[in-house]
């Protein structure tokens, strides 16, 4: 769908937008631990993939917040009604491929679709598995080998405003399962309170599986 254009003359974030556009490094990142205990308790009996469940929960967190669906193109600012997920998938041979996943609110419908797309991406020999034009996505990656405390992402330049989300190894601490979730955003469109909502909504989705 065509994203909604935002009128900068009435937008309450217009001053922040112009201010941070002047920065050489306008991106910032936050890492927080979320509770994955409910997911890990269900994963065997209900045959739930922790990877795909985390993807869905983070998609819920991203789509719940308007700022995380907001993009700028030069001096034009738009807001998508829903964004998809662009993920890295390990290839059967060396390296990884990118795959595009339309996000769906209902977990089981999303899960079935994602499983097929991931399988297809793993068999690719190139980097790109689909031609997804536009900016109605968030970039997602999992680092299951490490329990990190911070993370920085590669960005092509200061005008890239697509959120980047990564999560690490699910670890057990004092009888609970925790997972580090990192998100990097552009300060021209995303404030700290928006990230608070992202983590809250992601946690809610993890608990609702």
N, C-alpha and C. Protein backbone atom coordinates (compact mmCIF):
# COMPACT_ATOMS: atom_id res chain seq x y z
N UNK A 1 0.84 -1.19 0.00
CA UNK A 1 0.00 0.00 0.00
C UNK A 1 0.88 1.25 0.00
N UNK A 2 0.35 2.35 -0.55
CA UNK A 2 1.07 3.60 -0.58
C UNK A 2 1.16 4.18 0.82
N UNK A 3 2.36 4.52 1.29
CA UNK A 3 2.47 5.08 2.64
C UNK A 3 1.85 6.47 2.72
N UNK A 4 1.49 6.85 3.92
CA UNK A 4 0.87 8.16 4.17
C UNK A 4 1.96 9.23 4.23
N UNK A 5 1.77 10.32 3.48
CA UNK A 5 2.70 11.45 3.54
C UNK A 5 2.43 12.26 4.81
N UNK A 6 3.50 12.71 5.46
CA UNK A 6 3.40 13.50 6.68
C UNK A 6 3.66 14.97 6.34
N UNK A 7 2.76 15.83 6.79
CA UNK A 7 2.89 17.27 6.58
C UNK A 7 3.86 17.84 7.62
N UNK A 8 5.04 18.25 7.17
CA UNK A 8 6.05 18.74 8.11
C UNK A 8 5.64 20.03 8.79
N UNK A 9 4.73 20.77 8.21
CA UNK A 9 4.31 22.03 8.82
C UNK A 9 3.46 21.81 10.07
N UNK A 10 2.88 20.62 10.20
CA UNK A 10 2.04 20.33 11.37
C UNK A 10 2.58 19.16 12.19
N UNK A 11 3.61 18.50 11.71
CA UNK A 11 4.16 17.32 12.40
C UNK A 11 4.86 17.75 13.68
N UNK A 12 4.51 17.14 14.79
CA UNK A 12 5.08 17.56 16.06
C UNK A 12 6.54 17.17 16.23
N UNK A 13 7.06 16.36 15.33
CA UNK A 13 8.47 15.98 15.40
C UNK A 13 9.33 16.68 14.34
N UNK A 14 8.77 17.64 13.67
CA UNK A 14 9.49 18.28 12.57
C UNK A 14 10.78 18.94 13.05
N UNK A 15 10.77 19.59 14.21
CA UNK A 15 11.98 20.25 14.70
C UNK A 15 13.08 19.23 14.99
N UNK A 16 12.71 18.11 15.63
CA UNK A 16 13.68 17.05 15.89
C UNK A 16 14.20 16.47 14.57
N UNK A 17 13.31 16.31 13.61
CA UNK A 17 13.68 15.76 12.32
C UNK A 17 14.78 16.59 11.66
N UNK A 18 14.57 17.90 11.59
CA UNK A 18 15.55 18.77 10.96
C UNK A 18 16.84 18.84 11.77
N UNK A 19 16.72 18.84 13.08
CA UNK A 19 17.90 18.93 13.95
C UNK A 19 18.84 17.75 13.74
N UNK A 20 18.32 16.54 13.81
CA UNK A 20 19.17 15.36 13.72
C UNK A 20 19.59 15.04 12.29
N UNK A 21 18.91 15.60 11.29
CA UNK A 21 19.35 15.41 9.91
C UNK A 21 20.72 16.03 9.66
N UNK A 22 21.12 16.97 10.50
CA UNK A 22 22.42 17.63 10.31
C UNK A 22 23.57 16.83 10.89
N UNK A 23 23.28 15.74 11.60
CA UNK A 23 24.32 14.94 12.24
C UNK A 23 25.04 14.06 11.22
N UNK A 24 26.35 13.92 11.41
CA UNK A 24 27.11 12.99 10.57
C UNK A 24 26.81 11.55 10.97
N UNK A 25 26.52 11.34 12.26
CA UNK A 25 26.20 9.99 12.75
C UNK A 25 24.89 10.08 13.56
N UNK A 26 23.76 10.08 12.87
CA UNK A 26 22.47 10.28 13.55
C UNK A 26 21.84 9.00 14.10
N UNK A 27 22.52 7.86 13.95
CA UNK A 27 21.94 6.60 14.42
C UNK A 27 22.35 6.33 15.87
N UNK A 28 21.48 5.66 16.59
CA UNK A 28 21.83 5.18 17.93
C UNK A 28 21.20 3.81 18.14
N UNK A 29 21.80 3.05 19.05
CA UNK A 29 21.36 1.68 19.28
C UNK A 29 21.16 1.41 20.76
N UNK A 30 20.22 0.54 21.06
CA UNK A 30 19.91 0.14 22.43
C UNK A 30 19.83 -1.38 22.47
N UNK A 31 20.34 -1.98 23.53
CA UNK A 31 20.22 -3.43 23.74
C UNK A 31 19.57 -3.67 25.09
N UNK A 32 18.53 -4.48 25.11
CA UNK A 32 17.84 -4.86 26.35
C UNK A 32 17.60 -6.37 26.35
N UNK A 33 17.50 -6.92 27.53
CA UNK A 33 17.17 -8.34 27.66
C UNK A 33 15.65 -8.50 27.81
N UNK A 34 15.11 -9.43 27.05
CA UNK A 34 13.70 -9.78 27.17
C UNK A 34 13.58 -11.20 27.71
N UNK A 35 12.41 -11.48 28.28
CA UNK A 35 12.16 -12.78 28.90
C UNK A 35 11.55 -13.72 27.86
N UNK A 36 12.27 -14.80 27.57
CA UNK A 36 11.80 -15.80 26.59
C UNK A 36 11.35 -17.08 27.27
N UNK A 37 11.03 -17.03 28.56
CA UNK A 37 10.69 -18.24 29.31
C UNK A 37 9.44 -18.91 28.77
N UNK A 38 8.41 -18.13 28.46
CA UNK A 38 7.17 -18.71 27.95
C UNK A 38 7.42 -19.42 26.63
N UNK A 39 8.18 -18.78 25.76
CA UNK A 39 8.52 -19.38 24.47
C UNK A 39 9.28 -20.69 24.66
N UNK A 40 10.27 -20.70 25.52
CA UNK A 40 11.10 -21.89 25.69
C UNK A 40 10.32 -23.02 26.35
N UNK A 41 9.34 -22.68 27.18
CA UNK A 41 8.50 -23.71 27.80
C UNK A 41 7.58 -24.37 26.79
N UNK A 42 7.19 -23.65 25.75
CA UNK A 42 6.25 -24.16 24.77
C UNK A 42 6.90 -24.78 23.55
N UNK A 43 8.18 -24.54 23.34
CA UNK A 43 8.78 -24.82 22.04
C UNK A 43 8.70 -26.29 21.64
N UNK A 44 8.82 -27.22 22.60
CA UNK A 44 8.82 -28.65 22.25
C UNK A 44 7.39 -29.18 22.09
N UNK A 45 6.55 -28.93 23.06
CA UNK A 45 5.19 -29.47 23.02
C UNK A 45 4.41 -28.92 21.83
N UNK A 46 4.62 -27.66 21.51
CA UNK A 46 3.87 -27.03 20.42
C UNK A 46 4.68 -26.89 19.14
N UNK A 47 5.90 -27.45 19.15
CA UNK A 47 6.77 -27.43 17.97
C UNK A 47 6.95 -26.01 17.42
N UNK A 48 7.29 -25.11 18.31
CA UNK A 48 7.51 -23.72 17.94
C UNK A 48 8.99 -23.48 17.72
N UNK A 49 9.32 -22.86 16.62
CA UNK A 49 10.70 -22.47 16.35
C UNK A 49 11.00 -21.19 17.12
N UNK A 50 11.98 -21.21 18.04
CA UNK A 50 12.32 -19.97 18.75
C UNK A 50 12.73 -18.85 17.80
N UNK A 51 13.42 -19.19 16.71
CA UNK A 51 13.83 -18.17 15.75
C UNK A 51 12.62 -17.48 15.12
N UNK A 52 11.68 -18.26 14.63
CA UNK A 52 10.52 -17.66 13.96
C UNK A 52 9.60 -16.98 14.97
N UNK A 53 9.52 -17.51 16.18
CA UNK A 53 8.71 -16.86 17.20
C UNK A 53 9.28 -15.50 17.58
N UNK A 54 10.60 -15.41 17.70
CA UNK A 54 11.23 -14.13 17.99
C UNK A 54 11.01 -13.15 16.84
N UNK A 55 11.13 -13.63 15.62
CA UNK A 55 10.87 -12.77 14.46
C UNK A 55 9.46 -12.17 14.52
N UNK A 56 8.49 -13.02 14.81
CA UNK A 56 7.11 -12.54 14.86
C UNK A 56 6.93 -11.52 15.98
N UNK A 57 7.49 -11.80 17.14
CA UNK A 57 7.33 -10.90 18.28
C UNK A 57 7.96 -9.54 18.01
N UNK A 58 9.15 -9.55 17.39
CA UNK A 58 9.81 -8.29 17.09
C UNK A 58 9.09 -7.54 15.98
N UNK A 59 8.50 -8.29 15.04
CA UNK A 59 7.65 -7.65 14.04
C UNK A 59 6.45 -6.97 14.67
N UNK A 60 5.90 -7.59 15.71
CA UNK A 60 4.79 -6.97 16.43
C UNK A 60 5.25 -5.68 17.11
N UNK A 61 6.44 -5.73 17.72
CA UNK A 61 6.97 -4.54 18.38
C UNK A 61 7.23 -3.41 17.41
N UNK A 62 7.76 -3.73 16.24
CA UNK A 62 8.03 -2.71 15.23
C UNK A 62 6.75 -2.10 14.68
N UNK A 63 5.77 -2.95 14.39
CA UNK A 63 4.55 -2.46 13.77
C UNK A 63 3.64 -1.73 14.75
N UNK A 64 3.85 -1.92 16.04
CA UNK A 64 3.00 -1.27 17.04
C UNK A 64 3.32 0.22 17.19
N UNK A 65 4.49 0.64 16.73
CA UNK A 65 4.93 2.01 16.95
C UNK A 65 5.01 2.78 15.63
N UNK A 66 4.36 3.95 15.56
CA UNK A 66 4.31 4.72 14.32
C UNK A 66 5.70 5.18 13.88
N UNK A 67 6.54 5.59 14.82
CA UNK A 67 7.86 6.11 14.47
C UNK A 67 8.71 5.05 13.79
N UNK A 68 8.56 3.80 14.21
CA UNK A 68 9.35 2.72 13.63
C UNK A 68 8.85 2.33 12.24
N UNK A 69 7.69 2.86 11.86
CA UNK A 69 7.17 2.68 10.50
C UNK A 69 7.32 3.94 9.66
N UNK A 70 8.00 4.94 10.22
CA UNK A 70 8.17 6.22 9.54
C UNK A 70 9.51 6.25 8.79
N UNK A 71 9.51 6.78 7.58
CA UNK A 71 10.72 6.87 6.77
C UNK A 71 10.80 8.27 6.14
N UNK A 72 12.01 8.71 5.86
CA UNK A 72 12.15 9.95 5.09
C UNK A 72 12.91 9.67 3.81
N UNK A 73 12.56 10.44 2.80
CA UNK A 73 13.17 10.34 1.47
C UNK A 73 13.54 11.76 1.07
N UNK A 74 14.77 12.15 1.37
CA UNK A 74 15.13 13.55 1.24
C UNK A 74 14.40 14.34 2.30
N UNK A 75 13.64 15.36 1.89
CA UNK A 75 12.86 16.16 2.85
C UNK A 75 11.42 15.69 2.95
N UNK A 76 11.07 14.62 2.26
CA UNK A 76 9.72 14.05 2.36
C UNK A 76 9.70 12.99 3.45
N UNK A 77 8.66 13.01 4.27
CA UNK A 77 8.51 12.02 5.35
C UNK A 77 7.20 11.27 5.13
N UNK A 78 7.26 9.94 5.24
CA UNK A 78 6.08 9.11 5.04
C UNK A 78 5.97 8.09 6.17
N UNK A 79 4.77 7.55 6.32
CA UNK A 79 4.54 6.52 7.33
C UNK A 79 3.82 5.34 6.70
N UNK A 80 4.40 4.15 6.84
CA UNK A 80 3.77 2.93 6.35
C UNK A 80 2.73 2.44 7.36
N UNK A 81 1.65 1.85 6.85
CA UNK A 81 0.66 1.29 7.76
C UNK A 81 1.12 -0.04 8.34
N UNK A 82 2.01 -0.74 7.62
CA UNK A 82 2.61 -1.98 8.11
C UNK A 82 3.94 -2.17 7.41
N UNK A 83 4.93 -2.69 8.13
CA UNK A 83 6.22 -2.97 7.50
C UNK A 83 6.51 -4.47 7.56
N UNK A 84 7.27 -4.94 6.59
CA UNK A 84 7.71 -6.33 6.57
C UNK A 84 9.09 -6.46 7.20
N UNK A 85 9.65 -7.65 7.10
CA UNK A 85 10.93 -7.95 7.72
C UNK A 85 11.88 -8.49 6.66
N UNK A 86 13.06 -7.90 6.59
CA UNK A 86 14.10 -8.39 5.69
C UNK A 86 15.15 -9.07 6.55
N UNK A 87 15.32 -10.39 6.38
CA UNK A 87 16.16 -11.15 7.31
C UNK A 87 17.36 -11.77 6.61
N UNK A 88 18.36 -12.07 7.41
CA UNK A 88 19.51 -12.84 6.91
C UNK A 88 19.25 -14.32 7.20
N UNK A 89 19.53 -15.16 6.19
CA UNK A 89 19.33 -16.60 6.30
C UNK A 89 20.64 -17.31 5.95
N UNK A 90 21.19 -18.16 6.83
CA UNK A 90 22.41 -18.89 6.48
C UNK A 90 22.17 -19.77 5.26
N UNK A 91 23.07 -19.67 4.28
CA UNK A 91 22.96 -20.52 3.10
C UNK A 91 23.51 -21.91 3.40
N UNK A 92 23.11 -22.87 2.59
CA UNK A 92 23.60 -24.23 2.76
C UNK A 92 25.10 -24.29 2.55
N UNK A 93 25.59 -23.39 1.70
CA UNK A 93 27.03 -23.24 1.55
C UNK A 93 27.46 -21.97 2.30
N UNK A 94 28.65 -21.49 2.06
CA UNK A 94 29.21 -20.36 2.79
C UNK A 94 28.36 -19.10 2.66
N UNK A 95 28.28 -18.31 3.75
CA UNK A 95 27.63 -17.00 3.69
C UNK A 95 26.15 -17.06 4.03
N UNK A 96 25.47 -16.00 3.68
CA UNK A 96 24.04 -15.88 3.97
C UNK A 96 23.34 -15.20 2.81
N UNK A 97 22.02 -15.31 2.82
CA UNK A 97 21.19 -14.65 1.82
C UNK A 97 20.15 -13.80 2.54
N UNK A 98 19.60 -12.84 1.82
CA UNK A 98 18.52 -12.03 2.36
C UNK A 98 17.18 -12.58 1.88
N UNK A 99 16.20 -12.54 2.77
CA UNK A 99 14.85 -12.95 2.41
C UNK A 99 13.86 -11.94 2.96
N UNK A 100 12.79 -11.71 2.22
CA UNK A 100 11.75 -10.76 2.65
C UNK A 100 10.56 -11.53 3.21
N UNK A 101 10.07 -11.08 4.37
CA UNK A 101 8.94 -11.73 5.04
C UNK A 101 7.84 -10.71 5.29
N UNK A 102 6.69 -10.85 4.66
CA UNK A 102 5.56 -9.99 5.04
C UNK A 102 5.13 -10.33 6.47
N UNK A 103 5.00 -9.31 7.32
CA UNK A 103 4.60 -9.58 8.70
C UNK A 103 3.08 -9.72 8.79
N UNK A 104 2.63 -10.70 9.56
CA UNK A 104 1.20 -10.93 9.78
C UNK A 104 0.94 -10.98 11.28
N UNK A 105 -0.15 -10.37 11.75
CA UNK A 105 -0.42 -10.35 13.20
C UNK A 105 -0.63 -11.74 13.79
N UNK A 106 -1.23 -12.64 13.03
CA UNK A 106 -1.53 -13.98 13.57
C UNK A 106 -0.28 -14.85 13.44
N UNK A 107 0.21 -15.37 14.56
CA UNK A 107 1.49 -16.04 14.58
C UNK A 107 1.54 -17.26 13.68
N UNK A 108 0.55 -18.14 13.73
CA UNK A 108 0.64 -19.40 13.00
C UNK A 108 0.62 -19.18 11.49
N UNK A 109 -0.14 -18.18 11.01
CA UNK A 109 -0.12 -17.86 9.58
C UNK A 109 1.25 -17.32 9.18
N UNK A 110 1.80 -16.45 10.00
CA UNK A 110 3.14 -15.92 9.76
C UNK A 110 4.17 -17.04 9.78
N UNK A 111 4.06 -17.93 10.73
CA UNK A 111 5.03 -19.01 10.92
C UNK A 111 5.08 -19.93 9.70
N UNK A 112 3.93 -20.30 9.18
CA UNK A 112 3.88 -21.19 8.01
C UNK A 112 4.54 -20.53 6.80
N UNK A 113 4.23 -19.26 6.59
CA UNK A 113 4.79 -18.55 5.44
C UNK A 113 6.30 -18.38 5.57
N UNK A 114 6.74 -18.03 6.77
CA UNK A 114 8.17 -17.79 7.00
C UNK A 114 8.98 -19.06 6.82
N UNK A 115 8.47 -20.18 7.29
CA UNK A 115 9.20 -21.45 7.18
C UNK A 115 9.51 -21.75 5.71
N UNK A 116 8.55 -21.53 4.83
CA UNK A 116 8.77 -21.79 3.40
C UNK A 116 9.78 -20.83 2.81
N UNK A 117 9.70 -19.56 3.18
CA UNK A 117 10.60 -18.56 2.62
C UNK A 117 12.03 -18.76 3.11
N UNK A 118 12.20 -19.16 4.35
CA UNK A 118 13.54 -19.41 4.88
C UNK A 118 14.17 -20.62 4.19
N UNK A 119 13.39 -21.66 3.97
CA UNK A 119 13.90 -22.85 3.28
C UNK A 119 14.37 -22.49 1.87
N UNK A 120 13.60 -21.66 1.18
CA UNK A 120 13.98 -21.26 -0.17
C UNK A 120 15.25 -20.41 -0.15
N UNK A 121 15.36 -19.50 0.81
CA UNK A 121 16.53 -18.63 0.89
C UNK A 121 17.79 -19.42 1.20
N UNK A 122 17.68 -20.45 2.04
CA UNK A 122 18.85 -21.25 2.41
C UNK A 122 19.45 -21.97 1.20
N UNK A 123 18.63 -22.23 0.21
CA UNK A 123 19.11 -22.94 -0.98
C UNK A 123 19.69 -22.01 -2.03
N UNK A 124 19.62 -20.71 -1.80
CA UNK A 124 20.13 -19.74 -2.78
C UNK A 124 21.66 -19.78 -2.84
N UNK A 125 22.18 -19.37 -3.99
CA UNK A 125 23.63 -19.25 -4.12
C UNK A 125 24.07 -17.79 -4.14
N UNK A 126 23.12 -16.88 -4.34
CA UNK A 126 23.44 -15.46 -4.35
C UNK A 126 23.05 -14.79 -3.04
N UNK A 127 23.24 -13.49 -2.97
CA UNK A 127 22.95 -12.73 -1.74
C UNK A 127 21.48 -12.39 -1.62
N UNK A 128 20.87 -11.96 -2.72
CA UNK A 128 19.48 -11.52 -2.68
C UNK A 128 18.55 -12.64 -3.15
N UNK A 129 17.49 -12.86 -2.40
CA UNK A 129 16.52 -13.89 -2.79
C UNK A 129 15.23 -13.29 -3.30
N UNK A 130 15.08 -12.00 -3.19
CA UNK A 130 13.88 -11.35 -3.70
C UNK A 130 14.20 -9.89 -3.99
N UNK A 131 13.47 -9.33 -4.92
CA UNK A 131 13.66 -7.93 -5.27
C UNK A 131 12.61 -7.12 -4.54
N UNK A 132 12.96 -6.62 -3.37
CA UNK A 132 12.02 -5.86 -2.56
C UNK A 132 12.40 -4.39 -2.67
N UNK A 133 11.62 -3.64 -3.40
CA UNK A 133 11.89 -2.22 -3.52
C UNK A 133 11.17 -1.47 -2.42
N UNK A 134 11.62 -0.27 -2.15
CA UNK A 134 10.96 0.54 -1.14
C UNK A 134 11.58 0.38 0.23
N UNK A 135 11.06 1.13 1.17
CA UNK A 135 11.63 1.18 2.51
C UNK A 135 10.67 0.68 3.58
N UNK A 136 9.63 -0.03 3.19
CA UNK A 136 8.64 -0.53 4.14
C UNK A 136 9.08 -1.82 4.81
N UNK A 137 10.31 -1.84 5.32
CA UNK A 137 10.85 -3.02 5.97
C UNK A 137 11.67 -2.61 7.19
N UNK A 138 12.01 -3.60 7.99
CA UNK A 138 13.07 -3.47 9.00
C UNK A 138 14.05 -4.60 8.72
N UNK A 139 15.33 -4.34 8.98
CA UNK A 139 16.37 -5.35 8.74
C UNK A 139 16.58 -6.15 10.02
N UNK A 140 16.53 -7.48 9.89
CA UNK A 140 16.57 -8.38 11.04
C UNK A 140 17.71 -9.38 10.90
N UNK A 141 18.39 -9.66 12.01
CA UNK A 141 19.43 -10.69 11.99
C UNK A 141 19.56 -11.31 13.37
N UNK A 142 19.91 -12.59 13.39
CA UNK A 142 20.07 -13.32 14.65
C UNK A 142 21.53 -13.75 14.79
N UNK A 143 22.07 -13.60 15.99
CA UNK A 143 23.42 -14.05 16.31
C UNK A 143 23.32 -15.09 17.43
N UNK A 144 22.92 -16.32 17.09
CA UNK A 144 22.64 -17.32 18.12
C UNK A 144 23.89 -17.87 18.79
N UNK A 145 25.07 -17.47 18.33
CA UNK A 145 26.32 -17.99 18.89
C UNK A 145 26.77 -17.21 20.12
N UNK A 146 26.16 -16.05 20.38
CA UNK A 146 26.69 -15.20 21.45
C UNK A 146 25.58 -14.50 22.22
N UNK A 147 25.85 -14.29 23.48
CA UNK A 147 24.96 -13.52 24.37
C UNK A 147 25.58 -12.13 24.50
N UNK A 148 25.27 -11.25 23.57
CA UNK A 148 25.94 -9.95 23.55
C UNK A 148 25.27 -8.94 24.49
N UNK A 149 25.99 -7.88 24.79
CA UNK A 149 25.45 -6.80 25.62
C UNK A 149 25.30 -5.51 24.84
N UNK A 150 25.88 -5.42 23.67
CA UNK A 150 25.74 -4.25 22.81
C UNK A 150 26.07 -4.68 21.38
N UNK A 151 25.62 -3.87 20.43
CA UNK A 151 25.83 -4.22 19.02
C UNK A 151 25.73 -2.95 18.18
N UNK A 152 26.56 -2.86 17.16
CA UNK A 152 26.49 -1.77 16.21
C UNK A 152 26.27 -2.35 14.83
N UNK A 153 25.57 -1.61 13.97
CA UNK A 153 25.20 -2.11 12.66
C UNK A 153 25.86 -1.30 11.56
N UNK A 154 26.11 -1.95 10.44
CA UNK A 154 26.60 -1.26 9.25
C UNK A 154 25.45 -0.51 8.59
N UNK A 155 25.68 0.75 8.25
CA UNK A 155 24.69 1.55 7.51
C UNK A 155 25.41 2.23 6.36
N UNK A 156 24.74 2.38 5.21
CA UNK A 156 25.41 2.96 4.06
C UNK A 156 25.66 4.45 4.16
N UNK A 157 24.93 5.16 5.03
CA UNK A 157 25.12 6.60 5.15
C UNK A 157 24.13 7.21 6.12
N UNK A 158 24.25 8.50 6.41
CA UNK A 158 23.42 9.14 7.42
C UNK A 158 21.95 9.27 7.06
N UNK A 159 21.59 9.05 5.80
CA UNK A 159 20.18 9.16 5.41
C UNK A 159 19.46 7.82 5.40
N UNK A 160 20.11 6.76 5.83
CA UNK A 160 19.44 5.46 5.94
C UNK A 160 18.65 5.45 7.25
N UNK A 161 17.34 5.37 7.15
CA UNK A 161 16.50 5.45 8.36
C UNK A 161 15.72 4.17 8.61
N UNK A 162 16.13 3.06 8.00
CA UNK A 162 15.46 1.79 8.22
C UNK A 162 15.96 1.16 9.52
N UNK A 163 15.08 0.80 10.45
CA UNK A 163 15.52 0.18 11.71
C UNK A 163 16.22 -1.15 11.45
N UNK A 164 17.18 -1.45 12.31
CA UNK A 164 17.90 -2.71 12.27
C UNK A 164 17.76 -3.38 13.63
N UNK A 165 17.35 -4.64 13.62
CA UNK A 165 17.11 -5.38 14.86
C UNK A 165 17.92 -6.66 14.83
N UNK A 166 18.62 -6.95 15.93
CA UNK A 166 19.35 -8.21 16.07
C UNK A 166 19.07 -8.79 17.45
N UNK A 167 19.11 -10.11 17.53
CA UNK A 167 18.97 -10.75 18.84
C UNK A 167 19.97 -11.89 18.93
N UNK A 168 20.31 -12.25 20.17
CA UNK A 168 21.38 -13.20 20.40
C UNK A 168 20.92 -14.55 20.92
N UNK A 169 21.83 -15.21 21.57
CA UNK A 169 21.60 -16.54 22.13
C UNK A 169 20.62 -16.46 23.29
N UNK A 170 19.67 -17.38 23.34
CA UNK A 170 18.74 -17.46 24.48
C UNK A 170 19.46 -18.20 25.60
N UNK A 171 19.60 -17.55 26.74
CA UNK A 171 20.36 -18.11 27.85
C UNK A 171 19.47 -18.25 29.08
N UNK A 172 19.83 -19.20 29.93
CA UNK A 172 19.07 -19.43 31.16
C UNK A 172 19.77 -18.74 32.32
N UNK A 173 18.99 -17.99 33.10
CA UNK A 173 19.51 -17.29 34.27
C UNK A 173 18.51 -17.44 35.41
N UNK A 174 18.93 -18.10 36.48
CA UNK A 174 18.08 -18.23 37.67
C UNK A 174 16.70 -18.79 37.34
N UNK A 175 16.69 -19.79 36.48
CA UNK A 175 15.43 -20.46 36.15
C UNK A 175 14.60 -19.76 35.09
N UNK A 176 15.07 -18.63 34.57
CA UNK A 176 14.36 -17.92 33.52
C UNK A 176 15.23 -17.87 32.26
N UNK A 177 14.59 -17.80 31.10
CA UNK A 177 15.31 -17.69 29.84
C UNK A 177 15.27 -16.24 29.35
N UNK A 178 16.43 -15.73 29.01
CA UNK A 178 16.54 -14.34 28.57
C UNK A 178 17.20 -14.28 27.19
N UNK A 179 16.89 -13.22 26.46
CA UNK A 179 17.50 -13.02 25.15
C UNK A 179 17.79 -11.54 24.97
N UNK A 180 19.02 -11.24 24.53
CA UNK A 180 19.40 -9.86 24.25
C UNK A 180 18.82 -9.44 22.91
N UNK A 181 18.14 -8.29 22.90
CA UNK A 181 17.54 -7.75 21.68
C UNK A 181 18.09 -6.34 21.47
N UNK A 182 18.68 -6.14 20.30
CA UNK A 182 19.28 -4.85 19.95
C UNK A 182 18.49 -4.20 18.83
N UNK A 183 18.31 -2.89 18.91
CA UNK A 183 17.67 -2.16 17.82
C UNK A 183 18.45 -0.88 17.57
N UNK A 184 18.72 -0.61 16.30
CA UNK A 184 19.40 0.61 15.90
C UNK A 184 18.46 1.42 15.01
N UNK A 185 18.35 2.73 15.30
CA UNK A 185 17.37 3.58 14.62
C UNK A 185 18.00 4.93 14.29
N UNK A 186 17.27 5.72 13.52
CA UNK A 186 17.69 7.07 13.14
C UNK A 186 16.98 8.06 14.06
N UNK A 187 17.78 8.93 14.69
CA UNK A 187 17.21 9.83 15.70
C UNK A 187 16.29 10.89 15.10
N UNK A 188 16.35 11.10 13.79
CA UNK A 188 15.45 12.08 13.18
C UNK A 188 13.99 11.67 13.26
N UNK A 189 13.73 10.37 13.34
CA UNK A 189 12.34 9.89 13.35
C UNK A 189 11.98 9.07 14.57
N UNK A 190 12.96 8.53 15.29
CA UNK A 190 12.67 7.63 16.41
C UNK A 190 13.29 8.17 17.70
N UNK A 191 12.45 8.30 18.73
CA UNK A 191 12.89 8.78 20.03
C UNK A 191 13.02 7.61 21.01
N UNK A 192 13.58 7.89 22.17
CA UNK A 192 13.76 6.84 23.17
C UNK A 192 12.47 6.21 23.63
N UNK A 193 11.42 7.01 23.78
CA UNK A 193 10.13 6.47 24.22
C UNK A 193 9.58 5.46 23.22
N UNK A 194 9.88 5.66 21.94
CA UNK A 194 9.44 4.72 20.91
C UNK A 194 10.09 3.36 21.12
N UNK A 195 11.36 3.37 21.52
CA UNK A 195 12.05 2.11 21.76
C UNK A 195 11.49 1.42 23.01
N UNK A 196 11.09 2.22 23.98
CA UNK A 196 10.43 1.64 25.15
C UNK A 196 9.17 0.89 24.76
N UNK A 197 8.39 1.47 23.86
CA UNK A 197 7.18 0.79 23.39
C UNK A 197 7.53 -0.45 22.58
N UNK A 198 8.59 -0.35 21.75
CA UNK A 198 9.02 -1.52 20.97
C UNK A 198 9.31 -2.70 21.89
N UNK A 199 10.09 -2.48 22.94
CA UNK A 199 10.44 -3.59 23.84
C UNK A 199 9.20 -4.09 24.60
N UNK A 200 8.35 -3.20 25.00
CA UNK A 200 7.14 -3.61 25.72
C UNK A 200 6.24 -4.48 24.84
N UNK A 201 6.02 -4.03 23.60
CA UNK A 201 5.15 -4.78 22.69
C UNK A 201 5.78 -6.10 22.27
N UNK A 202 7.10 -6.11 22.11
CA UNK A 202 7.77 -7.37 21.78
C UNK A 202 7.64 -8.37 22.91
N UNK A 203 7.82 -7.90 24.15
CA UNK A 203 7.66 -8.78 25.30
C UNK A 203 6.24 -9.32 25.40
N UNK A 204 5.27 -8.45 25.17
CA UNK A 204 3.86 -8.88 25.19
C UNK A 204 3.60 -9.97 24.16
N UNK A 205 4.17 -9.81 22.96
CA UNK A 205 3.99 -10.82 21.91
C UNK A 205 4.68 -12.13 22.28
N UNK A 206 5.85 -12.07 22.91
CA UNK A 206 6.52 -13.30 23.35
C UNK A 206 5.69 -14.03 24.39
N UNK A 207 5.04 -13.29 25.25
CA UNK A 207 4.23 -13.89 26.31
C UNK A 207 2.89 -14.43 25.79
N UNK A 208 2.48 -14.00 24.59
CA UNK A 208 1.17 -14.37 24.06
C UNK A 208 1.22 -15.56 23.11
N UNK A 209 2.39 -16.14 22.89
CA UNK A 209 2.50 -17.26 21.96
C UNK A 209 1.62 -18.43 22.39
